[in-house]
Amino acid sequence: MKTVLWALQVLLAAQFLWHGWLMVAPPAELVEIINANLGVGLRYFIGVAELLAAVGLILPGVLRIHTWLIPLTAAGLMIVTASATVYHSFRGETSSAIYTAVLFVIITFVAYMRWKVRPIVPRQKAQASSSTVWGRL
């Protein structure tokens, strides 16, 4: 299960890194279209939030520092994807709404698993528990 969760986290991070970059620095032909639908401020907000979320899904687990940020990041992405699903549904963009709904389900799974079932143990706790095990031998 640990490998599945890491694979999902990496794939989600790649997805949000790509989409966040698309919002922050869109191709010239898309700037006007995106700004007309979202506005400049919301476009930048979504982009920066998604870039930070991509980092928040991976970096705390790799460094094993502040690992509580992983489920918190996933919870924030749940809000983003739920909002995107509603947005695309109201615009009649069915395929985009389904895609964001599937992302929501995957993110919810990662958030729950990293919060309750398979949290990543911070470095200090992992060292303390291993030292007590070796101390007993």
C-alpha atoms as a PDB file:
ATOM      1  CA  MET A   1       0.000   0.000   0.000  1.00  0.00           C
ATOM      2  CA  LYS A   2       2.943   2.298   0.674  1.00  0.00           C
ATOM      3  CA  THR A   3       4.052   2.053  -2.965  1.00  0.00           C
ATOM      4  CA  VAL A   4       0.526   2.704  -4.246  1.00  0.00           C
ATOM      5  CA  LEU A   5       0.203   5.816  -2.091  1.00  0.00           C
ATOM      6  CA  TRP A   6       3.576   7.148  -3.213  1.00  0.00           C
ATOM      7  CA  ALA A   7       2.707   6.470  -6.856  1.00  0.00           C
ATOM      8  CA  LEU A   8      -0.603   8.325  -6.457  1.00  0.00           C
ATOM      9  CA  GLN A   9       1.117  11.219  -4.719  1.00  0.00           C
ATOM     10  CA  VAL A  10       3.715  11.531  -7.495  1.00  0.00           C
ATOM     11  CA  LEU A  11       1.070  11.345 -10.227  1.00  0.00           C
ATOM     12  CA  LEU A  12      -1.134  13.898  -8.466  1.00  0.00           C
ATOM     13  CA  ALA A  13       1.860  16.171  -7.935  1.00  0.00           C
ATOM     14  CA  ALA A  14       2.734  15.929 -11.636  1.00  0.00           C
ATOM     15  CA  GLN A  15      -0.870  16.733 -12.592  1.00  0.00           C
ATOM     16  CA  PHE A  16      -1.064  19.782 -10.344  1.00  0.00           C
ATOM     17  CA  LEU A  17       2.436  20.934 -11.273  1.00  0.00           C
ATOM     18  CA  TRP A  18       1.426  20.870 -14.938  1.00  0.00           C
ATOM     19  CA  HIS A  19      -1.946  22.567 -14.390  1.00  0.00           C
ATOM     20  CA  GLY A  20      -0.503  25.111 -11.943  1.00  0.00           C
ATOM     21  CA  TRP A  21       2.176  26.061 -14.447  1.00  0.00           C
ATOM     22  CA  LEU A  22      -0.490  26.334 -17.146  1.00  0.00           C
ATOM     23  CA  MET A  23      -2.351  28.826 -14.939  1.00  0.00           C
ATOM     24  CA  VAL A  24       0.722  30.847 -13.958  1.00  0.00           C
ATOM     25  CA  ALA A  25       2.361  30.940 -17.397  1.00  0.00           C
ATOM     26  CA  PRO A  26      -0.173  29.932 -20.048  1.00  0.00           C
ATOM     27  CA  PRO A  27       0.677  29.885 -23.747  1.00  0.00           C
ATOM     28  CA  ALA A  28       0.070  33.230 -25.427  1.00  0.00           C
ATOM     29  CA  GLU A  29      -2.954  31.933 -27.344  1.00  0.00           C
ATOM     30  CA  LEU A  30      -4.687  30.846 -24.109  1.00  0.00           C
ATOM     31  CA  VAL A  31      -4.062  33.887 -21.906  1.00  0.00           C
ATOM     32  CA  GLU A  32      -7.034  35.863 -23.168  1.00  0.00           C
ATOM     33  CA  ILE A  33      -9.407  32.879 -23.039  1.00  0.00           C
ATOM     34  CA  ILE A  34      -8.432  31.903 -19.490  1.00  0.00           C
ATOM     35  CA  ASN A  35      -8.541  35.501 -18.257  1.00  0.00           C
ATOM     36  CA  ALA A  36     -12.005  35.984 -19.784  1.00  0.00           C
ATOM     37  CA  ASN A  37     -13.316  32.914 -17.923  1.00  0.00           C
ATOM     38  CA  LEU A  38     -11.498  33.217 -14.593  1.00  0.00           C
ATOM     39  CA  GLY A  39      -9.952  36.646 -14.361  1.00  0.00           C
ATOM     40  CA  VAL A  40      -6.268  37.368 -13.872  1.00  0.00           C
ATOM     41  CA  GLY A  41      -6.285  37.256 -10.062  1.00  0.00           C
ATOM     42  CA  LEU A  42      -8.128  33.948  -9.761  1.00  0.00           C
ATOM     43  CA  ARG A  43      -5.957  32.429 -12.497  1.00  0.00           C
ATOM     44  CA  TYR A  44      -2.769  33.325 -10.614  1.00  0.00           C
ATOM     45  CA  PHE A  45      -4.254  32.210  -7.281  1.00  0.00           C
ATOM     46  CA  ILE A  46      -5.209  28.801  -8.650  1.00  0.00           C
ATOM     47  CA  GLY A  47      -1.852  28.414 -10.380  1.00  0.00           C
ATOM     48  CA  VAL A  48       0.263  29.282  -7.349  1.00  0.00           C
ATOM     49  CA  ALA A  49      -1.929  27.148  -5.061  1.00  0.00           C
ATOM     50  CA  GLU A  50      -1.567  24.145  -7.354  1.00  0.00           C
ATOM     51  CA  LEU A  51       2.212  24.594  -7.677  1.00  0.00           C
ATOM     52  CA  LEU A  52       2.533  24.734  -3.895  1.00  0.00           C
ATOM     53  CA  ALA A  53       0.241  21.715  -3.570  1.00  0.00           C
ATOM     54  CA  ALA A  54       2.475  19.702  -5.913  1.00  0.00           C
ATOM     55  CA  VAL A  55       5.387  20.436  -3.603  1.00  0.00           C
ATOM     56  CA  GLY A  56       3.268  19.736  -0.509  1.00  0.00           C
ATOM     57  CA  LEU A  57       2.314  16.282  -1.731  1.00  0.00           C
ATOM     58  CA  ILE A  58       5.923  15.157  -2.176  1.00  0.00           C
ATOM     59  CA  LEU A  59       8.494  17.168  -0.232  1.00  0.00           C
ATOM     60  CA  PRO A  60       7.311  16.546   3.373  1.00  0.00           C
ATOM     61  CA  GLY A  61       7.239  12.810   2.771  1.00  0.00           C
ATOM     62  CA  VAL A  62      10.630  12.688   1.100  1.00  0.00           C
ATOM     63  CA  LEU A  63      12.268  14.780   3.819  1.00  0.00           C
ATOM     64  CA  ARG A  64      10.074  13.269   6.548  1.00  0.00           C
ATOM     65  CA  ILE A  65       9.673  16.712   8.098  1.00  0.00           C
ATOM     66  CA  HIS A  66       6.223  18.166   8.841  1.00  0.00           C
ATOM     67  CA  THR A  67       4.569  15.111   7.335  1.00  0.00           C
ATOM     68  CA  TRP A  68       1.197  16.375   8.591  1.00  0.00           C
ATOM     69  CA  LEU A  69       1.303  18.714   5.584  1.00  0.00           C
ATOM     70  CA  ILE A  70       0.594  15.838   3.174  1.00  0.00           C
ATOM     71  CA  PRO A  71      -3.021  15.148   4.269  1.00  0.00           C
ATOM     72  CA  LEU A  72      -3.542  18.887   4.780  1.00  0.00           C
ATOM     73  CA  THR A  73      -2.375  19.553   1.216  1.00  0.00           C
ATOM     74  CA  ALA A  74      -4.649  16.796  -0.063  1.00  0.00           C
ATOM     75  CA  ALA A  75      -7.580  18.308   1.855  1.00  0.00           C
ATOM     76  CA  GLY A  76      -6.900  21.661   0.201  1.00  0.00           C
ATOM     77  CA  LEU A  77      -6.802  19.969  -3.190  1.00  0.00           C
ATOM     78  CA  MET A  78     -10.135  18.340  -2.388  1.00  0.00           C
ATOM     79  CA  ILE A  79     -11.616  21.845  -2.171  1.00  0.00           C
ATOM     80  CA  VAL A  80      -9.953  22.845  -5.449  1.00  0.00           C
ATOM     81  CA  THR A  81     -11.133  19.760  -7.355  1.00  0.00           C
ATOM     82  CA  ALA A  82     -14.661  19.884  -5.914  1.00  0.00           C
ATOM     83  CA  SER A  83     -14.889  23.528  -6.982  1.00  0.00           C
ATOM     84  CA  ALA A  84     -13.507  22.675 -10.427  1.00  0.00           C
ATOM     85  CA  THR A  85     -16.054  19.874 -10.796  1.00  0.00           C
ATOM     86  CA  VAL A  86     -18.909  22.260 -10.014  1.00  0.00           C
ATOM     87  CA  TYR A  87     -17.437  24.926 -12.315  1.00  0.00           C
ATOM     88  CA  HIS A  88     -17.106  22.533 -15.259  1.00  0.00           C
ATOM     89  CA  SER A  89     -20.555  21.044 -14.615  1.00  0.00           C
ATOM     90  CA  PHE A  90     -22.227  24.462 -14.763  1.00  0.00           C
ATOM     91  CA  ARG A  91     -20.398  25.232 -17.996  1.00  0.00           C
ATOM     92  CA  GLY A  92     -21.589  21.950 -19.516  1.00  0.00           C
ATOM     93  CA  GLU A  93     -18.048  20.591 -19.837  1.00  0.00           C
ATOM     94  CA  THR A  94     -18.911  17.011 -18.950  1.00  0.00           C
ATOM     95  CA  SER A  95     -15.548  15.390 -19.668  1.00  0.00           C
ATOM     96  CA  SER A  96     -13.693  17.991 -17.586  1.00  0.00           C
ATOM     97  CA  ALA A  97     -16.222  17.613 -14.770  1.00  0.00           C
ATOM     98  CA  ILE A  98     -15.762  13.833 -14.768  1.00  0.00           C
ATOM     99  CA  TYR A  99     -11.975  14.209 -14.821  1.00  0.00           C
ATOM    100  CA  THR A 100     -11.959  16.576 -11.837  1.00  0.00           C
ATOM    101  CA  ALA A 101     -14.442  14.336  -9.987  1.00  0.00           C
ATOM    102  CA  VAL A 102     -12.093  11.361 -10.456  1.00  0.00           C
ATOM    103  CA  LEU A 103      -9.200  13.504  -9.223  1.00  0.00           C
ATOM    104  CA  PHE A 104     -11.327  14.396  -6.188  1.00  0.00           C
ATOM    105  CA  VAL A 105     -11.878  10.706  -5.371  1.00  0.00           C
ATOM    106  CA  ILE A 106      -8.156   9.904  -5.709  1.00  0.00           C
ATOM    107  CA  ILE A 107      -7.134  12.908  -3.608  1.00  0.00           C
ATOM    108  CA  THR A 108      -9.684  11.978  -0.950  1.00  0.00           C
ATOM    109  CA  PHE A 109      -8.221   8.465  -0.834  1.00  0.00           C
ATOM    110  CA  VAL A 110      -4.678   9.824  -0.445  1.00  0.00           C
ATOM    111  CA  ALA A 111      -5.771  12.307   2.227  1.00  0.00           C
ATOM    112  CA  TYR A 112      -7.525   9.648   4.304  1.00  0.00           C
ATOM    113  CA  MET A 113      -4.784   7.067   3.932  1.00  0.00           C
ATOM    114  CA  ARG A 114      -2.001   9.521   4.818  1.00  0.00           C
ATOM    115  CA  TRP A 115      -4.006  10.919   7.732  1.00  0.00           C
ATOM    116  CA  LYS A 116      -5.416   7.790   9.382  1.00  0.00           C
ATOM    117  CA  VAL A 117      -4.190   4.528   7.841  1.00  0.00           C
ATOM    118  CA  ARG A 118      -0.595   4.928   6.547  1.00  0.00           C
ATOM    119  CA  PRO A 119       0.803   8.272   7.746  1.00  0.00           C
ATOM    120  CA  ILE A 120       4.461   8.922   7.061  1.00  0.00           C
ATOM    121  CA  VAL A 121       6.340   8.973  10.348  1.00  0.00           C
ATOM    122  CA  PRO A 122       8.400  12.122  10.904  1.00  0.00           C
ATOM    123  CA  ARG A 123      12.156  11.687  11.116  1.00  0.00           C
ATOM    124  CA  GLN A 124      12.449  12.367  14.883  1.00  0.00           C
ATOM    125  CA  LYS A 125       9.804   9.786  15.792  1.00  0.00           C
ATOM    126  CA  ALA A 126      11.293   7.213  13.443  1.00  0.00           C
ATOM    127  CA  GLN A 127      14.758   7.630  15.006  1.00  0.00           C
ATOM    128  CA  ALA A 128      13.365   7.499  18.536  1.00  0.00           C
ATOM    129  CA  SER A 129      11.397   4.314  17.881  1.00  0.00           C
ATOM    130  CA  SER A 130      14.327   2.617  16.163  1.00  0.00           C
ATOM    131  CA  SER A 131      16.689   3.532  18.994  1.00  0.00           C
ATOM    132  CA  THR A 132      14.334   2.018  21.567  1.00  0.00           C
ATOM    133  CA  VAL A 133      14.105  -1.180  19.514  1.00  0.00           C
ATOM    134  CA  TRP A 134      17.909  -1.418  19.254  1.00  0.00           C
ATOM    135  CA  GLY A 135      18.233  -0.522  22.914  1.00  0.00           C
ATOM    136  CA  ARG A 136      16.097  -3.558  23.857  1.00  0.00           C
ATOM    137  CA  LEU A 137      18.272  -5.980  21.875  1.00  0.00           C
END
